[in-house]
Amino acid sequence: MRFVVIGLGNFGVALSRCLAGMGHEVIGVDSNIHKVEQIKDAITTAIVMDSRDAAAVSSLPVTSADAVFVAIGEDFGSSVNTIAILKQMGVKRLIARAINTVHSTVLEAIGVSEILRPEQDFAEMYAARFELSGVENLFLIGENRVVMEIKTPSVLVGQRIESIGFEKNFKLHLLAIKYVVTHQSLLGTVEKKSQIYDQWEQDRVVEKDDVLVLYGQVADFHHFKNL
């Protein structure tokens, strides 16, 4: 897939590197030559350009890209100006970063439907993870809704999935079960590898080292953790 990332600050660079690492074509754009130089070897193409210049932006493959990210954070005016140009050009999927609620409101007002709030999202995820002990990973899905990887509470060890009743008793949806398989290599070393069950029989017994992948509201995870 092809992506255009406009704005190569910390967030834009991290996003560009991740997309490129997944094997996608990434075109990075910034008006600062030093930022462009720092990432040019990590992505497909890095271009020095003022994204407020409609004529310059028109030279980019923004209408054929699978998505265009406007990752400009600090310069509010440049962000809005760039987005206005891209919308006039008919970009099929436009995703913009907002640095605060005012910025987000303005983006919504000019018709941006996909808005990234990385600082706010990270803060909410970290706060939820800090509040809930035993959480291995946490992914924020929407307001107050998360997917968590959480160690099996000791009180549930040895019980069948059916008898636990995740949805009925805890209002949580069990998405998968992660477990560790230990085996010996040809060299005699012991190796551990994580495996995932995403389909299981209802009579499967939950074991001590299982990590449960659950979806639900933060408040319901509190109830689950207090077993």
C-alpha atoms as a PDB file:
ATOM      1  CA  MET A   1       0.000   0.000   0.000  1.00  0.00           C
ATOM      2  CA  ARG A   2       1.062   3.604  -0.513  1.00  0.00           C
ATOM      3  CA  PHE A   3       0.901   6.243   2.200  1.00  0.00           C
ATOM      4  CA  VAL A   4       1.793   9.927   2.292  1.00  0.00           C
ATOM      5  CA  VAL A   5       2.802  11.358   5.671  1.00  0.00           C
ATOM      6  CA  ILE A   6       2.897  15.150   5.880  1.00  0.00           C
ATOM      7  CA  GLY A   7       4.722  16.438   8.940  1.00  0.00           C
ATOM      8  CA  LEU A   8       7.838  14.653  10.141  1.00  0.00           C
ATOM      9  CA  GLY A   9       7.920  15.539  13.812  1.00  0.00           C
ATOM     10  CA  ASN A  10       8.241  12.808  16.437  1.00  0.00           C
ATOM     11  CA  PHE A  11       4.815  11.352  15.680  1.00  0.00           C
ATOM     12  CA  GLY A  12       5.127  11.607  11.901  1.00  0.00           C
ATOM     13  CA  VAL A  13       8.546   9.948  11.934  1.00  0.00           C
ATOM     14  CA  ALA A  14       7.377   7.119  14.209  1.00  0.00           C
ATOM     15  CA  LEU A  15       4.315   6.543  12.018  1.00  0.00           C
ATOM     16  CA  SER A  16       6.402   6.588   8.822  1.00  0.00           C
ATOM     17  CA  ARG A  17       8.930   4.121  10.208  1.00  0.00           C
ATOM     18  CA  CYS A  18       6.204   1.742  11.360  1.00  0.00           C
ATOM     19  CA  LEU A  19       4.425   1.783   8.011  1.00  0.00           C
ATOM     20  CA  ALA A  20       7.685   1.322   6.118  1.00  0.00           C
ATOM     21  CA  GLY A  21       8.668  -1.514   8.453  1.00  0.00           C
ATOM     22  CA  MET A  22       5.439  -3.285   7.502  1.00  0.00           C
ATOM     23  CA  GLY A  23       6.531  -3.187   3.871  1.00  0.00           C
ATOM     24  CA  HIS A  24       4.408  -0.266   2.665  1.00  0.00           C
ATOM     25  CA  GLU A  25       5.496   2.511   0.326  1.00  0.00           C
ATOM     26  CA  VAL A  26       5.822   5.669   2.403  1.00  0.00           C
ATOM     27  CA  ILE A  27       6.323   9.205   1.114  1.00  0.00           C
ATOM     28  CA  GLY A  28       7.312  11.599   3.886  1.00  0.00           C
ATOM     29  CA  VAL A  29       6.944  15.362   3.536  1.00  0.00           C
ATOM     30  CA  ASP A  30       8.160  18.243   5.691  1.00  0.00           C
ATOM     31  CA  SER A  31       9.290  21.836   5.186  1.00  0.00           C
ATOM     32  CA  ASN A  32      12.309  21.259   7.449  1.00  0.00           C
ATOM     33  CA  ILE A  33      15.243  19.826   5.509  1.00  0.00           C
ATOM     34  CA  HIS A  34      16.887  18.448   8.653  1.00  0.00           C
ATOM     35  CA  LYS A  35      13.826  16.344   9.501  1.00  0.00           C
ATOM     36  CA  VAL A  36      13.700  15.046   5.943  1.00  0.00           C
ATOM     37  CA  GLU A  37      17.395  14.154   5.995  1.00  0.00           C
ATOM     38  CA  GLN A  38      16.989  12.192   9.224  1.00  0.00           C
ATOM     39  CA  ILE A  39      14.367   9.823   7.828  1.00  0.00           C
ATOM     40  CA  LYS A  40      15.163   9.644   4.117  1.00  0.00           C
ATOM     41  CA  ASP A  41      16.962   6.294   4.394  1.00  0.00           C
ATOM     42  CA  ALA A  42      14.156   4.650   6.375  1.00  0.00           C
ATOM     43  CA  ILE A  43      11.248   5.266   3.991  1.00  0.00           C
ATOM     44  CA  THR A  44      10.585   5.123   0.252  1.00  0.00           C
ATOM     45  CA  THR A  45      10.835   8.853  -0.457  1.00  0.00           C
ATOM     46  CA  ALA A  46      11.382  11.931   1.704  1.00  0.00           C
ATOM     47  CA  ILE A  47      10.572  15.352   0.257  1.00  0.00           C
ATOM     48  CA  VAL A  48      11.228  18.903   1.417  1.00  0.00           C
ATOM     49  CA  MET A  49       8.020  20.821   0.727  1.00  0.00           C
ATOM     50  CA  ASP A  50       5.770  23.515   2.147  1.00  0.00           C
ATOM     51  CA  SER A  51       2.436  21.725   2.365  1.00  0.00           C
ATOM     52  CA  ARG A  52       0.602  25.084   2.442  1.00  0.00           C
ATOM     53  CA  ASP A  53       1.557  25.499  -1.229  1.00  0.00           C
ATOM     54  CA  ALA A  54      -1.284  23.982  -3.265  1.00  0.00           C
ATOM     55  CA  ALA A  55       0.801  23.814  -6.439  1.00  0.00           C
ATOM     56  CA  ALA A  56       3.553  21.905  -4.654  1.00  0.00           C
ATOM     57  CA  VAL A  57       1.140  19.503  -2.971  1.00  0.00           C
ATOM     58  CA  SER A  58      -0.479  18.773  -6.332  1.00  0.00           C
ATOM     59  CA  SER A  59       2.818  17.196  -7.431  1.00  0.00           C
ATOM     60  CA  LEU A  60       2.437  14.509  -4.763  1.00  0.00           C
ATOM     61  CA  PRO A  61       0.521  11.255  -5.481  1.00  0.00           C
ATOM     62  CA  VAL A  62      -2.070  12.131  -2.834  1.00  0.00           C
ATOM     63  CA  THR A  63      -5.114  11.162  -4.900  1.00  0.00           C
ATOM     64  CA  SER A  64      -3.706   7.714  -5.682  1.00  0.00           C
ATOM     65  CA  ALA A  65      -2.451   7.032  -2.149  1.00  0.00           C
ATOM     66  CA  ASP A  66      -4.344   4.590   0.058  1.00  0.00           C
ATOM     67  CA  ALA A  67      -4.272   7.219   2.807  1.00  0.00           C
ATOM     68  CA  VAL A  68      -2.754  10.604   3.498  1.00  0.00           C
ATOM     69  CA  PHE A  69      -1.733  11.393   7.080  1.00  0.00           C
ATOM     70  CA  VAL A  70      -1.425  15.012   8.165  1.00  0.00           C
ATOM     71  CA  ALA A  71       0.821  14.600  11.206  1.00  0.00           C
ATOM     72  CA  ILE A  72       1.551  18.306  11.695  1.00  0.00           C
ATOM     73  CA  GLY A  73       1.186  19.050  15.379  1.00  0.00           C
ATOM     74  CA  GLU A  74       2.566  22.333  16.638  1.00  0.00           C
ATOM     75  CA  ASP A  75       1.702  24.579  13.680  1.00  0.00           C
ATOM     76  CA  PHE A  76      -2.082  24.744  13.903  1.00  0.00           C
ATOM     77  CA  GLY A  77      -2.407  27.009  10.835  1.00  0.00           C
ATOM     78  CA  SER A  78      -0.288  24.783   8.625  1.00  0.00           C
ATOM     79  CA  SER A  79      -2.294  21.741   9.662  1.00  0.00           C
ATOM     80  CA  VAL A  80      -5.649  23.312   8.763  1.00  0.00           C
ATOM     81  CA  ASN A  81      -4.315  24.883   5.560  1.00  0.00           C
ATOM     82  CA  THR A  82      -2.810  21.598   4.399  1.00  0.00           C
ATOM     83  CA  ILE A  83      -5.994  19.668   5.124  1.00  0.00           C
ATOM     84  CA  ALA A  84      -8.087  22.217   3.215  1.00  0.00           C
ATOM     85  CA  ILE A  85      -5.836  21.776   0.163  1.00  0.00           C
ATOM     86  CA  LEU A  86      -6.004  17.984   0.369  1.00  0.00           C
ATOM     87  CA  LYS A  87      -9.791  18.013   0.652  1.00  0.00           C
ATOM     88  CA  GLN A  88     -10.055  20.249  -2.406  1.00  0.00           C
ATOM     89  CA  MET A  89      -7.891  17.762  -4.286  1.00  0.00           C
ATOM     90  CA  GLY A  90     -10.290  14.931  -3.450  1.00  0.00           C
ATOM     91  CA  VAL A  91      -8.020  12.726  -1.339  1.00  0.00           C
ATOM     92  CA  LYS A  92      -9.958   9.491  -0.785  1.00  0.00           C
ATOM     93  CA  ARG A  93      -8.807   8.857   2.781  1.00  0.00           C
ATOM     94  CA  LEU A  94      -7.520  11.711   4.919  1.00  0.00           C
ATOM     95  CA  ILE A  95      -6.316  11.091   8.482  1.00  0.00           C
ATOM     96  CA  ALA A  96      -5.218  14.026  10.617  1.00  0.00           C
ATOM     97  CA  ARG A  97      -3.500  14.476  13.953  1.00  0.00           C
ATOM     98  CA  ALA A  98      -5.047  16.805  16.538  1.00  0.00           C
ATOM     99  CA  ILE A  99      -2.966  18.174  19.407  1.00  0.00           C
ATOM    100  CA  ASN A 100      -5.839  19.406  21.577  1.00  0.00           C
ATOM    101  CA  THR A 101      -9.633  19.624  21.744  1.00  0.00           C
ATOM    102  CA  VAL A 102      -9.781  22.950  19.879  1.00  0.00           C
ATOM    103  CA  HIS A 103      -7.699  21.522  17.039  1.00  0.00           C
ATOM    104  CA  SER A 104      -9.905  18.428  16.975  1.00  0.00           C
ATOM    105  CA  THR A 105     -13.088  20.531  16.852  1.00  0.00           C
ATOM    106  CA  VAL A 106     -11.763  22.568  13.925  1.00  0.00           C
ATOM    107  CA  LEU A 107     -10.792  19.414  12.025  1.00  0.00           C
ATOM    108  CA  GLU A 108     -14.252  17.982  12.551  1.00  0.00           C
ATOM    109  CA  ALA A 109     -15.798  21.262  11.380  1.00  0.00           C
ATOM    110  CA  ILE A 110     -13.904  21.152   8.066  1.00  0.00           C
ATOM    111  CA  GLY A 111     -14.992  17.574   7.460  1.00  0.00           C
ATOM    112  CA  VAL A 112     -12.160  15.358   8.715  1.00  0.00           C
ATOM    113  CA  SER A 113     -13.739  12.117   9.885  1.00  0.00           C
ATOM    114  CA  GLU A 114     -10.568  10.287  10.983  1.00  0.00           C
ATOM    115  CA  ILE A 115      -8.717  12.186  13.693  1.00  0.00           C
ATOM    116  CA  LEU A 116      -5.720  10.887  15.620  1.00  0.00           C
ATOM    117  CA  ARG A 117      -5.136  12.101  19.177  1.00  0.00           C
ATOM    118  CA  PRO A 118      -1.910  10.231  20.068  1.00  0.00           C
ATOM    119  CA  GLU A 119      -1.079  12.152  23.246  1.00  0.00           C
ATOM    120  CA  GLN A 120      -4.594  11.802  24.659  1.00  0.00           C
ATOM    121  CA  ASP A 121      -4.909   8.158  23.614  1.00  0.00           C
ATOM    122  CA  PHE A 122      -1.544   7.289  25.169  1.00  0.00           C
ATOM    123  CA  ALA A 123      -2.433   9.072  28.402  1.00  0.00           C
ATOM    124  CA  GLU A 124      -5.742   7.197  28.662  1.00  0.00           C
ATOM    125  CA  MET A 125      -4.109   3.844  27.907  1.00  0.00           C
ATOM    126  CA  TYR A 126      -1.306   4.413  30.396  1.00  0.00           C
ATOM    127  CA  ALA A 127      -3.712   5.545  33.097  1.00  0.00           C
ATOM    128  CA  ALA A 128      -5.894   2.454  32.586  1.00  0.00           C
ATOM    129  CA  ARG A 129      -2.872   0.155  32.575  1.00  0.00           C
ATOM    130  CA  PHE A 130      -1.451   1.764  35.719  1.00  0.00           C
ATOM    131  CA  GLU A 131      -4.804   1.396  37.458  1.00  0.00           C
ATOM    132  CA  LEU A 132      -5.223  -2.299  36.624  1.00  0.00           C
ATOM    133  CA  SER A 133      -2.435  -4.526  37.906  1.00  0.00           C
ATOM    134  CA  GLY A 134      -1.608  -7.696  36.007  1.00  0.00           C
ATOM    135  CA  VAL A 135      -2.297  -6.155  32.601  1.00  0.00           C
ATOM    136  CA  GLU A 136       0.178  -7.338  29.956  1.00  0.00           C
ATOM    137  CA  ASN A 137      -1.021  -5.113  27.117  1.00  0.00           C
ATOM    138  CA  LEU A 138      -3.840  -2.657  26.623  1.00  0.00           C
ATOM    139  CA  PHE A 139      -5.383  -1.260  23.456  1.00  0.00           C
ATOM    140  CA  LEU A 140      -7.845   1.623  23.529  1.00  0.00           C
ATOM    141  CA  ILE A 141     -10.733   0.934  21.134  1.00  0.00           C
ATOM    142  CA  GLY A 142     -13.054   3.825  21.966  1.00  0.00           C
ATOM    143  CA  GLU A 143     -14.185   5.901  24.878  1.00  0.00           C
ATOM    144  CA  ASN A 144     -13.831   3.703  27.972  1.00  0.00           C
ATOM    145  CA  ARG A 145     -13.621   0.527  25.864  1.00  0.00           C
ATOM    146  CA  VAL A 146     -10.426  -1.482  25.668  1.00  0.00           C
ATOM    147  CA  VAL A 147      -8.885  -4.776  24.620  1.00  0.00           C
ATOM    148  CA  MET A 148      -6.641  -6.114  27.391  1.00  0.00           C
ATOM    149  CA  GLU A 149      -4.217  -8.959  27.713  1.00  0.00           C
ATOM    150  CA  ILE A 150      -4.472  -9.944  31.371  1.00  0.00           C
ATOM    151  CA  LYS A 151      -3.042 -12.757  33.453  1.00  0.00           C
ATOM    152  CA  THR A 152      -5.580 -15.346  34.564  1.00  0.00           C
ATOM    153  CA  PRO A 153      -6.794 -14.541  38.096  1.00  0.00           C
ATOM    154  CA  SER A 154      -5.812 -17.393  40.428  1.00  0.00           C
ATOM    155  CA  VAL A 155      -9.447 -18.008  41.397  1.00  0.00           C
ATOM    156  CA  LEU A 156     -10.252 -18.986  37.788  1.00  0.00           C
ATOM    157  CA  VAL A 157      -7.364 -21.409  37.288  1.00  0.00           C
ATOM    158  CA  GLY A 158      -8.690 -24.903  36.611  1.00  0.00           C
ATOM    159  CA  GLN A 159     -12.188 -23.749  35.631  1.00  0.00           C
ATOM    160  CA  ARG A 160     -13.819 -24.428  32.279  1.00  0.00           C
ATOM    161  CA  ILE A 161     -14.503 -21.449  29.993  1.00  0.00           C
ATOM    162  CA  GLU A 162     -18.192 -22.289  29.954  1.00  0.00           C
ATOM    163  CA  SER A 163     -18.483 -22.235  33.744  1.00  0.00           C
ATOM    164  CA  ILE A 164     -16.599 -18.925  34.039  1.00  0.00           C
ATOM    165  CA  GLY A 165     -19.189 -17.148  31.883  1.00  0.00           C
ATOM    166  CA  PHE A 166     -17.120 -14.115  30.851  1.00  0.00           C
ATOM    167  CA  GLU A 167     -20.013 -12.304  29.166  1.00  0.00           C
ATOM    168  CA  LYS A 168     -22.754 -13.303  31.611  1.00  0.00           C
ATOM    169  CA  ASN A 169     -20.832 -12.749  34.833  1.00  0.00           C
ATOM    170  CA  PHE A 170     -18.325 -10.028  33.918  1.00  0.00           C
ATOM    171  CA  LYS A 171     -19.700  -8.348  30.752  1.00  0.00           C
ATOM    172  CA  LEU A 172     -16.382  -9.107  29.074  1.00  0.00           C
ATOM    173  CA  HIS A 173     -15.829 -10.807  25.730  1.00  0.00           C
ATOM    174  CA  LEU A 174     -13.084 -13.441  25.526  1.00  0.00           C
ATOM    175  CA  LEU A 175     -11.294 -12.903  22.204  1.00  0.00           C
ATOM    176  CA  ALA A 176      -8.312 -15.223  22.546  1.00  0.00           C
ATOM    177  CA  ILE A 177      -6.086 -17.098  24.970  1.00  0.00           C
ATOM    178  CA  LYS A 178      -2.296 -16.770  24.865  1.00  0.00           C
ATOM    179  CA  TYR A 179      -0.150 -19.525  26.308  1.00  0.00           C
ATOM    180  CA  VAL A 180       3.519 -20.457  26.306  1.00  0.00           C
ATOM    181  CA  VAL A 181       4.899 -23.651  24.758  1.00  0.00           C
ATOM    182  CA  THR A 182       8.316 -24.858  25.923  1.00  0.00           C
ATOM    183  CA  HIS A 183      10.443 -27.107  23.745  1.00  0.00           C
ATOM    184  CA  GLN A 184      14.052 -28.168  23.403  1.00  0.00           C
ATOM    185  CA  SER A 185      16.024 -27.165  20.315  1.00  0.00           C
ATOM    186  CA  LEU A 186      18.436 -29.401  18.424  1.00  0.00           C
ATOM    187  CA  LEU A 187      21.267 -27.736  20.330  1.00  0.00           C
ATOM    188  CA  GLY A 188      19.700 -28.704  23.634  1.00  0.00           C
ATOM    189  CA  THR A 189      18.609 -25.216  24.649  1.00  0.00           C
ATOM    190  CA  VAL A 190      15.163 -24.676  26.092  1.00  0.00           C
ATOM    191  CA  GLU A 191      13.043 -22.242  24.131  1.00  0.00           C
ATOM    192  CA  LYS A 192       9.696 -20.666  24.966  1.00  0.00           C
ATOM    193  CA  LYS A 193       7.261 -19.587  22.302  1.00  0.00           C
ATOM    194  CA  SER A 194       3.935 -17.815  22.654  1.00  0.00           C
ATOM    195  CA  GLN A 195       0.911 -19.439  21.015  1.00  0.00           C
ATOM    196  CA  ILE A 196      -2.643 -18.144  20.611  1.00  0.00           C
ATOM    197  CA  TYR A 197      -5.992 -19.895  20.780  1.00  0.00           C
ATOM    198  CA  ASP A 198      -8.709 -17.926  18.964  1.00  0.00           C
ATOM    199  CA  GLN A 199     -11.048 -20.912  18.768  1.00  0.00           C
ATOM    200  CA  TRP A 200     -11.665 -23.273  21.642  1.00  0.00           C
ATOM    201  CA  GLU A 201     -14.103 -25.749  23.100  1.00  0.00           C
ATOM    202  CA  GLN A 202     -16.269 -24.464  25.959  1.00  0.00           C
ATOM    203  CA  ASP A 203     -14.936 -27.226  28.193  1.00  0.00           C
ATOM    204  CA  ARG A 204     -11.333 -26.021  27.809  1.00  0.00           C
ATOM    205  CA  VAL A 205      -9.783 -25.497  31.230  1.00  0.00           C
ATOM    206  CA  VAL A 206      -8.088 -22.164  31.941  1.00  0.00           C
ATOM    207  CA  GLU A 207      -4.539 -22.742  33.151  1.00  0.00           C
ATOM    208  CA  LYS A 208      -2.250 -20.793  35.468  1.00  0.00           C
ATOM    209  CA  ASP A 209       0.033 -19.298  32.818  1.00  0.00           C
ATOM    210  CA  ASP A 210      -2.743 -18.428  30.353  1.00  0.00           C
ATOM    211  CA  VAL A 211      -3.066 -14.783  29.316  1.00  0.00           C
ATOM    212  CA  LEU A 212      -6.659 -13.851  28.527  1.00  0.00           C
ATOM    213  CA  VAL A 213      -7.355 -11.407  25.711  1.00  0.00           C
ATOM    214  CA  LEU A 214     -10.588  -9.659  26.719  1.00  0.00           C
ATOM    215  CA  TYR A 215     -12.711  -6.817  25.369  1.00  0.00           C
ATOM    216  CA  GLY A 216     -14.955  -4.610  27.471  1.00  0.00           C
ATOM    217  CA  GLN A 217     -15.321  -1.461  29.535  1.00  0.00           C
ATOM    218  CA  VAL A 218     -12.677  -0.389  32.041  1.00  0.00           C
ATOM    219  CA  ALA A 219     -15.189  -0.503  34.915  1.00  0.00           C
ATOM    220  CA  ASP A 220     -15.957  -4.157  34.186  1.00  0.00           C
ATOM    221  CA  PHE A 221     -12.262  -5.017  34.210  1.00  0.00           C
ATOM    222  CA  HIS A 222     -12.122  -3.617  37.754  1.00  0.00           C
ATOM    223  CA  HIS A 223     -14.759  -6.151  38.804  1.00  0.00           C
ATOM    224  CA  PHE A 224     -12.873  -8.939  37.049  1.00  0.00           C
ATOM    225  CA  LYS A 225      -9.555  -8.001  38.682  1.00  0.00           C
ATOM    226  CA  ASN A 226     -11.097  -7.942  42.156  1.00  0.00           C
ATOM    227  CA  LEU A 227     -12.065 -11.620  42.072  1.00  0.00           C
END
